[in-house]
Amino acid sequence: MTATIEDFQKLDIRVGKIVDVRDLLQARKPSFRLTIDFGVLGTRPVRRGREDRLHARVQLTDRQVVCVFNLPPRRVAGVNSDVLVLAATEADGTLRLLAPDPPAELGSNIT
């Protein structure tokens, strides 16, 4: 499948900062409930699976991440998940969360 530049331009990709991490106990698979701050755009909840096993709760807090901001909300394990946190998948299945380098202003648009 190919995507056009117009398809990519439909995505609203923003920089956020994880400000709260909680265990999502009602999920079928171990998951976190993240709250992500997007600056003047406010905070958004998101469910994040622990399938990456790379990040402990303390490693996620205060970390900047790159998120797709304009997807329709999904309700997962009783939590509305309003954004998609982007990650790279390595050959062994390890996930690495994407982040700006150096840190960027919260809510900044990724172009």
PDB file of N, CA and C in Angstrom:
ATOM      1  N   MET A   1       0.839  -1.164   0.000  1.00  0.00           N
ATOM      2  CA  MET A   1       0.000   0.000   0.000  1.00  0.00           C
ATOM      3  C   MET A   1       0.892   1.238   0.000  1.00  0.00           C
ATOM      4  N   THR A   2       0.511   2.234  -0.754  1.00  0.00           N
ATOM      5  CA  THR A   2       1.248   3.492  -0.762  1.00  0.00           C
ATOM      6  C   THR A   2       0.364   4.594  -0.197  1.00  0.00           C
ATOM      7  N   ALA A   3       1.006   5.570   0.377  1.00  0.00           N
ATOM      8  CA  ALA A   3       0.312   6.746   0.896  1.00  0.00           C
ATOM      9  C   ALA A   3       0.818   7.959   0.131  1.00  0.00           C
ATOM     10  N   THR A   4      -0.057   8.898  -0.062  1.00  0.00           N
ATOM     11  CA  THR A   4       0.329  10.132  -0.738  1.00  0.00           C
ATOM     12  C   THR A   4       0.720  11.171   0.297  1.00  0.00           C
ATOM     13  N   ILE A   5       1.348  12.217  -0.156  1.00  0.00           N
ATOM     14  CA  ILE A   5       1.680  13.325   0.744  1.00  0.00           C
ATOM     15  C   ILE A   5       0.401  13.924   1.316  1.00  0.00           C
ATOM     16  N   GLU A   6      -0.672  13.890   0.535  1.00  0.00           N
ATOM     17  CA  GLU A   6      -1.962  14.397   1.025  1.00  0.00           C
ATOM     18  C   GLU A   6      -2.475  13.537   2.186  1.00  0.00           C
ATOM     19  N   ASP A   7      -2.264  12.219   2.110  1.00  0.00           N
ATOM     20  CA  ASP A   7      -2.645  11.339   3.217  1.00  0.00           C
ATOM     21  C   ASP A   7      -1.870  11.712   4.476  1.00  0.00           C
ATOM     22  N   PHE A   8      -0.577  11.898   4.339  1.00  0.00           N
ATOM     23  CA  PHE A   8       0.261  12.263   5.486  1.00  0.00           C
ATOM     24  C   PHE A   8      -0.161  13.610   6.069  1.00  0.00           C
ATOM     25  N   GLN A   9      -0.488  14.560   5.212  1.00  0.00           N
ATOM     26  CA  GLN A   9      -0.847  15.900   5.675  1.00  0.00           C
ATOM     27  C   GLN A   9      -2.155  15.919   6.456  1.00  0.00           C
ATOM     28  N   LYS A  10      -2.955  14.884   6.349  1.00  0.00           N
ATOM     29  CA  LYS A  10      -4.200  14.796   7.122  1.00  0.00           C
ATOM     30  C   LYS A  10      -3.927  14.513   8.595  1.00  0.00           C
ATOM     31  N   LEU A  11      -2.755  13.957   8.892  1.00  0.00           N
ATOM     32  CA  LEU A  11      -2.423  13.624  10.275  1.00  0.00           C
ATOM     33  C   LEU A  11      -1.953  14.861  11.025  1.00  0.00           C
ATOM     34  N   ASP A  12      -2.491  15.053  12.207  1.00  0.00           N
ATOM     35  CA  ASP A  12      -2.060  16.138  13.087  1.00  0.00           C
ATOM     36  C   ASP A  12      -1.121  15.510  14.113  1.00  0.00           C
ATOM     37  N   ILE A  13       0.181  15.628  13.880  1.00  0.00           N
ATOM     38  CA  ILE A  13       1.185  14.984  14.724  1.00  0.00           C
ATOM     39  C   ILE A  13       1.803  16.051  15.619  1.00  0.00           C
ATOM     40  N   ARG A  14       1.768  15.806  16.925  1.00  0.00           N
ATOM     41  CA  ARG A  14       2.174  16.815  17.913  1.00  0.00           C
ATOM     42  C   ARG A  14       3.151  16.253  18.941  1.00  0.00           C
ATOM     43  N   VAL A  15       3.868  17.171  19.580  1.00  0.00           N
ATOM     44  CA  VAL A  15       4.764  16.836  20.691  1.00  0.00           C
ATOM     45  C   VAL A  15       3.985  16.985  21.991  1.00  0.00           C
ATOM     46  N   GLY A  16       4.076  15.975  22.833  1.00  0.00           N
ATOM     47  CA  GLY A  16       3.456  16.031  24.148  1.00  0.00           C
ATOM     48  C   GLY A  16       4.430  15.556  25.209  1.00  0.00           C
ATOM     49  N   LYS A  17       4.019  15.702  26.468  1.00  0.00           N
ATOM     50  CA  LYS A  17       4.842  15.229  27.585  1.00  0.00           C
ATOM     51  C   LYS A  17       3.963  14.384  28.494  1.00  0.00           C
ATOM     52  N   ILE A  18       4.445  13.201  28.816  1.00  0.00           N
ATOM     53  CA  ILE A  18       3.707  12.316  29.719  1.00  0.00           C
ATOM     54  C   ILE A  18       3.789  12.899  31.125  1.00  0.00           C
ATOM     55  N   VAL A  19       2.622  13.218  31.702  1.00  0.00           N
ATOM     56  CA  VAL A  19       2.600  13.837  33.024  1.00  0.00           C
ATOM     57  C   VAL A  19       2.050  12.903  34.100  1.00  0.00           C
ATOM     58  N   ASP A  20       1.418  11.806  33.685  1.00  0.00           N
ATOM     59  CA  ASP A  20       0.885  10.862  34.667  1.00  0.00           C
ATOM     60  C   ASP A  20       0.868   9.470  34.048  1.00  0.00           C
ATOM     61  N   VAL A  21       1.262   8.480  34.835  1.00  0.00           N
ATOM     62  CA  VAL A  21       1.272   7.082  34.397  1.00  0.00           C
ATOM     63  C   VAL A  21       0.619   6.250  35.495  1.00  0.00           C
ATOM     64  N   ARG A  22      -0.411   5.498  35.108  1.00  0.00           N
ATOM     65  CA  ARG A  22      -1.094   4.628  36.072  1.00  0.00           C
ATOM     66  C   ARG A  22      -1.283   3.249  35.460  1.00  0.00           C
ATOM     67  N   ASP A  23      -1.275   2.240  36.311  1.00  0.00           N
ATOM     68  CA  ASP A  23      -1.597   0.896  35.841  1.00  0.00           C
ATOM     69  C   ASP A  23      -3.068   0.856  35.462  1.00  0.00           C
ATOM     70  N   LEU A  24      -3.370   0.215  34.360  1.00  0.00           N
ATOM     71  CA  LEU A  24      -4.745   0.058  33.898  1.00  0.00           C
ATOM     72  C   LEU A  24      -5.155  -1.376  34.240  1.00  0.00           C
ATOM     73  N   LEU A  25      -5.644  -1.549  35.452  1.00  0.00           N
ATOM     74  CA  LEU A  25      -5.878  -2.882  35.998  1.00  0.00           C
ATOM     75  C   LEU A  25      -7.010  -3.628  35.305  1.00  0.00           C
ATOM     76  N   GLN A  26      -7.981  -2.902  34.742  1.00  0.00           N
ATOM     77  CA  GLN A  26      -9.125  -3.564  34.123  1.00  0.00           C
ATOM     78  C   GLN A  26      -8.843  -4.037  32.694  1.00  0.00           C
ATOM     79  N   ALA A  27      -7.666  -3.763  32.163  1.00  0.00           N
ATOM     80  CA  ALA A  27      -7.313  -4.197  30.809  1.00  0.00           C
ATOM     81  C   ALA A  27      -7.016  -5.698  30.798  1.00  0.00           C
ATOM     82  N   ARG A  28      -7.312  -6.351  29.660  1.00  0.00           N
ATOM     83  CA  ARG A  28      -7.023  -7.784  29.528  1.00  0.00           C
ATOM     84  C   ARG A  28      -5.526  -8.054  29.543  1.00  0.00           C
ATOM     85  N   LYS A  29      -4.762  -7.173  28.910  1.00  0.00           N
ATOM     86  CA  LYS A  29      -3.303  -7.292  28.899  1.00  0.00           C
ATOM     87  C   LYS A  29      -2.744  -6.156  29.742  1.00  0.00           C
ATOM     88  N   PRO A  30      -1.607  -6.358  30.397  1.00  0.00           N
ATOM     89  CA  PRO A  30      -1.030  -5.281  31.204  1.00  0.00           C
ATOM     90  C   PRO A  30      -0.869  -4.003  30.376  1.00  0.00           C
ATOM     91  N   SER A  31      -1.384  -2.916  30.916  1.00  0.00           N
ATOM     92  CA  SER A  31      -1.371  -1.641  30.195  1.00  0.00           C
ATOM     93  C   SER A  31      -1.184  -0.495  31.167  1.00  0.00           C
ATOM     94  N   PHE A  32      -0.814   0.640  30.604  1.00  0.00           N
ATOM     95  CA  PHE A  32      -0.746   1.888  31.349  1.00  0.00           C
ATOM     96  C   PHE A  32      -1.833   2.826  30.852  1.00  0.00           C
ATOM     97  N   ARG A  33      -2.302   3.685  31.735  1.00  0.00           N
ATOM     98  CA  ARG A  33      -3.122   4.823  31.347  1.00  0.00           C
ATOM     99  C   ARG A  33      -2.218   6.033  31.483  1.00  0.00           C
ATOM    100  N   LEU A  34      -1.945   6.674  30.362  1.00  0.00           N
ATOM    101  CA  LEU A  34      -1.080   7.850  30.357  1.00  0.00           C
ATOM    102  C   LEU A  34      -1.928   9.101  30.248  1.00  0.00           C
ATOM    103  N   THR A  35      -1.485  10.162  30.867  1.00  0.00           N
ATOM    104  CA  THR A  35      -2.031  11.484  30.608  1.00  0.00           C
ATOM    105  C   THR A  35      -0.905  12.276  29.969  1.00  0.00           C
ATOM    106  N   ILE A  36      -1.191  12.835  28.782  1.00  0.00           N
ATOM    107  CA  ILE A  36      -0.171  13.539  28.013  1.00  0.00           C
ATOM    108  C   ILE A  36      -0.551  15.002  27.898  1.00  0.00           C
ATOM    109  N   ASP A  37       0.385  15.880  28.237  1.00  0.00           N
ATOM    110  CA  ASP A  37       0.196  17.333  28.185  1.00  0.00           C
ATOM    111  C   ASP A  37       0.663  17.845  26.832  1.00  0.00           C
ATOM    112  N   PHE A  38      -0.228  18.571  26.145  1.00  0.00           N
ATOM    113  CA  PHE A  38       0.097  19.170  24.851  1.00  0.00           C
ATOM    114  C   PHE A  38       0.123  20.698  24.942  1.00  0.00           C
ATOM    115  N   GLY A  39       0.520  21.229  26.090  1.00  0.00           N
ATOM    116  CA  GLY A  39       0.637  22.683  26.252  1.00  0.00           C
ATOM    117  C   GLY A  39      -0.717  23.361  26.141  1.00  0.00           C
ATOM    118  N   VAL A  40      -0.806  24.387  25.301  1.00  0.00           N
ATOM    119  CA  VAL A  40      -2.049  25.161  25.174  1.00  0.00           C
ATOM    120  C   VAL A  40      -3.198  24.315  24.629  1.00  0.00           C
ATOM    121  N   LEU A  41      -2.902  23.161  24.056  1.00  0.00           N
ATOM    122  CA  LEU A  41      -3.943  22.268  23.531  1.00  0.00           C
ATOM    123  C   LEU A  41      -4.551  21.391  24.624  1.00  0.00           C
ATOM    124  N   GLY A  42      -4.002  21.452  25.834  1.00  0.00           N
ATOM    125  CA  GLY A  42      -4.547  20.700  26.960  1.00  0.00           C
ATOM    126  C   GLY A  42      -3.945  19.316  27.110  1.00  0.00           C
ATOM    127  N   THR A  43      -4.550  18.537  28.007  1.00  0.00           N
ATOM    128  CA  THR A  43      -4.085  17.174  28.254  1.00  0.00           C
ATOM    129  C   THR A  43      -5.046  16.183  27.612  1.00  0.00           C
ATOM    130  N   ARG A  44      -4.512  15.025  27.284  1.00  0.00           N
ATOM    131  CA  ARG A  44      -5.317  13.958  26.678  1.00  0.00           C
ATOM    132  C   ARG A  44      -4.963  12.632  27.341  1.00  0.00           C
ATOM    133  N   PRO A  45      -5.985  11.776  27.552  1.00  0.00           N
ATOM    134  CA  PRO A  45      -5.707  10.434  28.071  1.00  0.00           C
ATOM    135  C   PRO A  45      -5.358   9.482  26.937  1.00  0.00           C
ATOM    136  N   VAL A  46      -4.553   8.494  27.245  1.00  0.00           N
ATOM    137  CA  VAL A  46      -4.219   7.470  26.250  1.00  0.00           C
ATOM    138  C   VAL A  46      -3.910   6.164  26.975  1.00  0.00           C
ATOM    139  N   ARG A  47      -4.322   5.061  26.380  1.00  0.00           N
ATOM    140  CA  ARG A  47      -3.956   3.753  26.895  1.00  0.00           C
ATOM    141  C   ARG A  47      -2.719   3.303  26.143  1.00  0.00           C
ATOM    142  N   ARG A  48      -1.768   2.802  26.861  1.00  0.00           N
ATOM    143  CA  ARG A  48      -0.524   2.328  26.241  1.00  0.00           C
ATOM    144  C   ARG A  48      -0.249   0.933  26.768  1.00  0.00           C
ATOM    145  N   GLY A  49      -0.144  -0.036  25.870  1.00  0.00           N
ATOM    146  CA  GLY A  49       0.179  -1.394  26.274  1.00  0.00           C
ATOM    147  C   GLY A  49       1.603  -1.472  26.793  1.00  0.00           C
ATOM    148  N   ARG A  50       1.842  -2.416  27.652  1.00  0.00           N
ATOM    149  CA  ARG A  50       3.192  -2.609  28.183  1.00  0.00           C
ATOM    150  C   ARG A  50       3.970  -3.606  27.348  1.00  0.00           C
ATOM    151  N   GLU A  51       3.517  -3.829  26.118  1.00  0.00           N
ATOM    152  CA  GLU A  51       4.180  -4.825  25.285  1.00  0.00           C
ATOM    153  C   GLU A  51       5.634  -4.478  25.026  1.00  0.00           C
ATOM    154  N   ASP A  52       5.994  -3.206  25.146  1.00  0.00           N
ATOM    155  CA  ASP A  52       7.397  -2.855  24.918  1.00  0.00           C
ATOM    156  C   ASP A  52       8.296  -3.258  26.083  1.00  0.00           C
ATOM    157  N   ARG A  53       7.749  -3.373  27.276  1.00  0.00           N
ATOM    158  CA  ARG A  53       8.481  -3.770  28.473  1.00  0.00           C
ATOM    159  C   ARG A  53       9.791  -2.995  28.667  1.00  0.00           C
ATOM    160  N   LEU A  54       9.987  -2.005  27.855  1.00  0.00           N
ATOM    161  CA  LEU A  54      11.209  -1.210  27.918  1.00  0.00           C
ATOM    162  C   LEU A  54      11.100  -0.143  28.997  1.00  0.00           C
ATOM    163  N   HIS A  55       9.922   0.381  29.141  1.00  0.00           N
ATOM    164  CA  HIS A  55       9.747   1.564  29.974  1.00  0.00           C
ATOM    165  C   HIS A  55       9.024   1.232  31.276  1.00  0.00           C
ATOM    166  N   ALA A  56       9.648   1.535  32.375  1.00  0.00           N
ATOM    167  CA  ALA A  56       8.979   1.468  33.666  1.00  0.00           C
ATOM    168  C   ALA A  56       8.195   2.761  33.840  1.00  0.00           C
ATOM    169  N   ARG A  57       7.266   2.763  34.774  1.00  0.00           N
ATOM    170  CA  ARG A  57       6.447   3.967  35.000  1.00  0.00           C
ATOM    171  C   ARG A  57       7.318   5.197  35.216  1.00  0.00           C
ATOM    172  N   VAL A  58       8.360   5.056  36.006  1.00  0.00           N
ATOM    173  CA  VAL A  58       9.216   6.201  36.306  1.00  0.00           C
ATOM    174  C   VAL A  58       9.950   6.683  35.054  1.00  0.00           C
ATOM    175  N   GLN A  59      10.251   5.790  34.127  1.00  0.00           N
ATOM    176  CA  GLN A  59      10.931   6.185  32.892  1.00  0.00           C
ATOM    177  C   GLN A  59       9.999   6.927  31.948  1.00  0.00           C
ATOM    178  N   LEU A  60       8.706   6.708  32.069  1.00  0.00           N
ATOM    179  CA  LEU A  60       7.748   7.367  31.181  1.00  0.00           C
ATOM    180  C   LEU A  60       7.387   8.771  31.653  1.00  0.00           C
ATOM    181  N   THR A  61       7.324   8.980  32.952  1.00  0.00           N
ATOM    182  CA  THR A  61       6.907  10.271  33.494  1.00  0.00           C
ATOM    183  C   THR A  61       7.881  11.369  33.084  1.00  0.00           C
ATOM    184  N   ASP A  62       7.328  12.487  32.630  1.00  0.00           N
ATOM    185  CA  ASP A  62       8.061  13.681  32.186  1.00  0.00           C
ATOM    186  C   ASP A  62       8.805  13.475  30.871  1.00  0.00           C
ATOM    187  N   ARG A  63       8.520  12.421  30.168  1.00  0.00           N
ATOM    188  CA  ARG A  63       9.169  12.141  28.886  1.00  0.00           C
ATOM    189  C   ARG A  63       8.365  12.768  27.752  1.00  0.00           C
ATOM    190  N   GLN A  64       9.056  13.419  26.824  1.00  0.00           N
ATOM    191  CA  GLN A  64       8.378  13.934  25.640  1.00  0.00           C
ATOM    192  C   GLN A  64       8.153  12.792  24.657  1.00  0.00           C
ATOM    193  N   VAL A  65       7.002  12.848  23.972  1.00  0.00           N
ATOM    194  CA  VAL A  65       6.638  11.829  22.993  1.00  0.00           C
ATOM    195  C   VAL A  65       6.025  12.510  21.776  1.00  0.00           C
ATOM    196  N   VAL A  66       5.987  11.774  20.679  1.00  0.00           N
ATOM    197  CA  VAL A  66       5.361  12.245  19.447  1.00  0.00           C
ATOM    198  C   VAL A  66       4.067  11.454  19.274  1.00  0.00           C
ATOM    199  N   CYS A  67       2.962  12.166  19.040  1.00  0.00           N
ATOM    200  CA  CYS A  67       1.644  11.536  19.002  1.00  0.00           C
ATOM    201  C   CYS A  67       0.830  12.006  17.805  1.00  0.00           C
ATOM    202  N   VAL A  68       0.007  11.095  17.273  1.00  0.00           N
ATOM    203  CA  VAL A  68      -1.012  11.488  16.301  1.00  0.00           C
ATOM    204  C   VAL A  68      -2.189  11.995  17.124  1.00  0.00           C
ATOM    205  N   PHE A  69      -2.571  13.237  16.863  1.00  0.00           N
ATOM    206  CA  PHE A  69      -3.485  13.988  17.720  1.00  0.00           C
ATOM    207  C   PHE A  69      -4.927  13.958  17.224  1.00  0.00           C
ATOM    208  N   ASN A  70      -5.164  13.648  15.958  1.00  0.00           N
ATOM    209  CA  ASN A  70      -6.517  13.819  15.411  1.00  0.00           C
ATOM    210  C   ASN A  70      -7.187  12.515  14.971  1.00  0.00           C
ATOM    211  N   LEU A  71      -6.874  11.418  15.627  1.00  0.00           N
ATOM    212  CA  LEU A  71      -7.583  10.170  15.355  1.00  0.00           C
ATOM    213  C   LEU A  71      -8.869  10.144  16.180  1.00  0.00           C
ATOM    214  N   PRO A  72      -9.893   9.421  15.722  1.00  0.00           N
ATOM    215  CA  PRO A  72     -11.103   9.328  16.538  1.00  0.00           C
ATOM    216  C   PRO A  72     -10.800   8.598  17.844  1.00  0.00           C
ATOM    217  N   PRO A  73     -11.439   9.004  18.944  1.00  0.00           N
ATOM    218  CA  PRO A  73     -11.167   8.353  20.229  1.00  0.00           C
ATOM    219  C   PRO A  73     -11.604   6.891  20.209  1.00  0.00           C
ATOM    220  N   ARG A  74     -10.847   6.070  20.927  1.00  0.00           N
ATOM    221  CA  ARG A  74     -11.196   4.657  21.121  1.00  0.00           C
ATOM    222  C   ARG A  74     -11.323   4.416  22.612  1.00  0.00           C
ATOM    223  N   ARG A  75     -12.301   3.630  22.982  1.00  0.00           N
ATOM    224  CA  ARG A  75     -12.478   3.283  24.390  1.00  0.00           C
ATOM    225  C   ARG A  75     -11.856   1.905  24.605  1.00  0.00           C
ATOM    226  N   VAL A  76     -10.837   1.860  25.446  1.00  0.00           N
ATOM    227  CA  VAL A  76     -10.121   0.619  25.723  1.00  0.00           C
ATOM    228  C   VAL A  76     -10.082   0.422  27.232  1.00  0.00           C
ATOM    229  N   ALA A  77     -10.621  -0.680  27.695  1.00  0.00           N
ATOM    230  CA  ALA A  77     -10.621  -1.006  29.130  1.00  0.00           C
ATOM    231  C   ALA A  77     -11.184   0.138  29.962  1.00  0.00           C
ATOM    232  N   GLY A  78     -12.246   0.764  29.449  1.00  0.00           N
ATOM    233  CA  GLY A  78     -12.906   1.831  30.190  1.00  0.00           C
ATOM    234  C   GLY A  78     -12.231   3.181  30.111  1.00  0.00           C
ATOM    235  N   VAL A  79     -11.193   3.309  29.298  1.00  0.00           N
ATOM    236  CA  VAL A  79     -10.468   4.575  29.170  1.00  0.00           C
ATOM    237  C   VAL A  79     -10.564   5.062  27.732  1.00  0.00           C
ATOM    238  N   ASN A  80     -10.971   6.322  27.554  1.00  0.00           N
ATOM    239  CA  ASN A  80     -10.923   6.910  26.220  1.00  0.00           C
ATOM    240  C   ASN A  80      -9.468   7.143  25.863  1.00  0.00           C
ATOM    241  N   SER A  81      -9.073   6.663  24.717  1.00  0.00           N
ATOM    242  CA  SER A  81      -7.710   6.854  24.234  1.00  0.00           C
ATOM    243  C   SER A  81      -7.804   7.804  23.053  1.00  0.00           C
ATOM    244  N   ASP A  82      -7.401   9.049  23.266  1.00  0.00           N
ATOM    245  CA  ASP A  82      -7.625  10.121  22.294  1.00  0.00           C
ATOM    246  C   ASP A  82      -6.458  10.370  21.354  1.00  0.00           C
ATOM    247  N   VAL A  83      -5.300   9.834  21.654  1.00  0.00           N
ATOM    248  CA  VAL A  83      -4.130  10.051  20.802  1.00  0.00           C
ATOM    249  C   VAL A  83      -3.392   8.727  20.625  1.00  0.00           C
ATOM    250  N   LEU A  84      -2.553   8.664  19.609  1.00  0.00           N
ATOM    251  CA  LEU A  84      -1.726   7.491  19.351  1.00  0.00           C
ATOM    252  C   LEU A  84      -0.271   7.883  19.562  1.00  0.00           C
ATOM    253  N   VAL A  85       0.377   7.251  20.536  1.00  0.00           N
ATOM    254  CA  VAL A  85       1.788   7.499  20.803  1.00  0.00           C
ATOM    255  C   VAL A  85       2.597   6.712  19.775  1.00  0.00           C
ATOM    256  N   LEU A  86       3.501   7.389  19.073  1.00  0.00           N
ATOM    257  CA  LEU A  86       4.282   6.742  18.021  1.00  0.00           C
ATOM    258  C   LEU A  86       5.543   6.096  18.588  1.00  0.00           C
ATOM    259  N   ALA A  87       5.880   4.943  18.028  1.00  0.00           N
ATOM    260  CA  ALA A  87       7.064   4.205  18.464  1.00  0.00           C
ATOM    261  C   ALA A  87       7.676   3.496  17.265  1.00  0.00           C
ATOM    262  N   ALA A  88       8.965   3.241  17.355  1.00  0.00           N
ATOM    263  CA  ALA A  88       9.669   2.439  16.351  1.00  0.00           C
ATOM    264  C   ALA A  88       9.754   1.011  16.878  1.00  0.00           C
ATOM    265  N   THR A  89       9.554   0.040  15.989  1.00  0.00           N
ATOM    266  CA  THR A  89       9.653  -1.370  16.363  1.00  0.00           C
ATOM    267  C   THR A  89      10.952  -1.937  15.806  1.00  0.00           C
ATOM    268  N   GLU A  90      11.801  -2.440  16.701  1.00  0.00           N
ATOM    269  CA  GLU A  90      13.063  -3.036  16.289  1.00  0.00           C
ATOM    270  C   GLU A  90      12.846  -4.484  15.859  1.00  0.00           C
ATOM    271  N   ALA A  91      13.847  -5.087  15.248  1.00  0.00           N
ATOM    272  CA  ALA A  91      13.742  -6.449  14.719  1.00  0.00           C
ATOM    273  C   ALA A  91      13.326  -7.460  15.784  1.00  0.00           C
ATOM    274  N   ASP A  92      13.753  -7.258  17.035  1.00  0.00           N
ATOM    275  CA  ASP A  92      13.409  -8.204  18.104  1.00  0.00           C
ATOM    276  C   ASP A  92      12.067  -7.900  18.757  1.00  0.00           C
ATOM    277  N   GLY A  93      11.339  -6.898  18.230  1.00  0.00           N
ATOM    278  CA  GLY A  93      10.034  -6.539  18.770  1.00  0.00           C
ATOM    279  C   GLY A  93      10.066  -5.446  19.815  1.00  0.00           C
ATOM    280  N   THR A  94      11.246  -5.008  20.222  1.00  0.00           N
ATOM    281  CA  THR A  94      11.360  -3.932  21.195  1.00  0.00           C
ATOM    282  C   THR A  94      10.818  -2.643  20.598  1.00  0.00           C
ATOM    283  N   LEU A  95      10.017  -1.929  21.387  1.00  0.00           N
ATOM    284  CA  LEU A  95       9.477  -0.644  20.947  1.00  0.00           C
ATOM    285  C   LEU A  95      10.277   0.493  21.554  1.00  0.00           C
ATOM    286  N   ARG A  96      10.533   1.506  20.764  1.00  0.00           N
ATOM    287  CA  ARG A  96      11.225   2.721  21.214  1.00  0.00           C
ATOM    288  C   ARG A  96      10.309   3.903  20.935  1.00  0.00           C
ATOM    289  N   LEU A  97       9.888   4.583  21.990  1.00  0.00           N
ATOM    290  CA  LEU A  97       9.006   5.730  21.816  1.00  0.00           C
ATOM    291  C   LEU A  97       9.722   6.839  21.061  1.00  0.00           C
ATOM    292  N   LEU A  98       9.014   7.459  20.126  1.00  0.00           N
ATOM    293  CA  LEU A  98       9.591   8.573  19.374  1.00  0.00           C
ATOM    294  C   LEU A  98       9.512   9.844  20.204  1.00  0.00           C
ATOM    295  N   ALA A  99      10.564  10.651  20.128  1.00  0.00           N
ATOM    296  CA  ALA A  99      10.626  11.906  20.872  1.00  0.00           C
ATOM    297  C   ALA A  99      11.458  12.905  20.089  1.00  0.00           C
ATOM    298  N   PRO A 100      11.157  14.202  20.226  1.00  0.00           N
ATOM    299  CA  PRO A 100      11.979  15.203  19.547  1.00  0.00           C
ATOM    300  C   PRO A 100      13.339  15.320  20.223  1.00  0.00           C
ATOM    301  N   ASP A 101      14.342  15.654  19.436  1.00  0.00           N
ATOM    302  CA  ASP A 101      15.686  15.849  19.979  1.00  0.00           C
ATOM    303  C   ASP A 101      16.303  17.050  19.278  1.00  0.00           C
ATOM    304  N   PRO A 102      16.533  18.126  19.998  1.00  0.00           N
ATOM    305  CA  PRO A 102      16.312  18.361  21.420  1.00  0.00           C
ATOM    306  C   PRO A 102      14.820  18.501  21.733  1.00  0.00           C
ATOM    307  N   PRO A 103      14.454  18.565  23.035  1.00  0.00           N
ATOM    308  CA  PRO A 103      13.051  18.718  23.400  1.00  0.00           C
ATOM    309  C   PRO A 103      12.423  19.927  22.703  1.00  0.00           C
ATOM    310  N   ALA A 104      11.131  19.801  22.428  1.00  0.00           N
ATOM    311  CA  ALA A 104      10.398  20.851  21.721  1.00  0.00           C
ATOM    312  C   ALA A 104       9.278  21.389  22.608  1.00  0.00           C
ATOM    313  N   GLU A 105       8.744  22.534  22.227  1.00  0.00           N
ATOM    314  CA  GLU A 105       7.614  23.126  22.934  1.00  0.00           C
ATOM    315  C   GLU A 105       6.430  22.172  22.856  1.00  0.00           C
ATOM    316  N   LEU A 106       5.733  22.002  23.995  1.00  0.00           N
ATOM    317  CA  LEU A 106       4.582  21.107  24.022  1.00  0.00           C
ATOM    318  C   LEU A 106       3.509  21.598  23.064  1.00  0.00           C
ATOM    319  N   GLY A 107       2.945  20.673  22.311  1.00  0.00           N
ATOM    320  CA  GLY A 107       1.925  21.002  21.325  1.00  0.00           C
ATOM    321  C   GLY A 107       2.484  21.325  19.956  1.00  0.00           C
ATOM    322  N   SER A 108       3.815  21.385  19.832  1.00  0.00           N
ATOM    323  CA  SER A 108       4.421  21.692  18.530  1.00  0.00           C
ATOM    324  C   SER A 108       3.965  20.685  17.490  1.00  0.00           C
ATOM    325  N   ASN A 109       3.720  21.192  16.278  1.00  0.00           N
ATOM    326  CA  ASN A 109       3.280  20.362  15.167  1.00  0.00           C
ATOM    327  C   ASN A 109       4.491  19.729  14.493  1.00  0.00           C
ATOM    328  N   ILE A 110       4.411  18.431  14.224  1.00  0.00           N
ATOM    329  CA  ILE A 110       5.456  17.719  13.492  1.00  0.00           C
ATOM    330  C   ILE A 110       5.115  17.821  12.011  1.00  0.00           C
ATOM    331  N   THR A 111       6.057  18.312  11.221  1.00  0.00           N
ATOM    332  CA  THR A 111       5.795  18.469   9.785  1.00  0.00           C
ATOM    333  C   THR A 111       6.803  17.687   8.977  1.00  0.00           C
TER     334      THR A 111
END
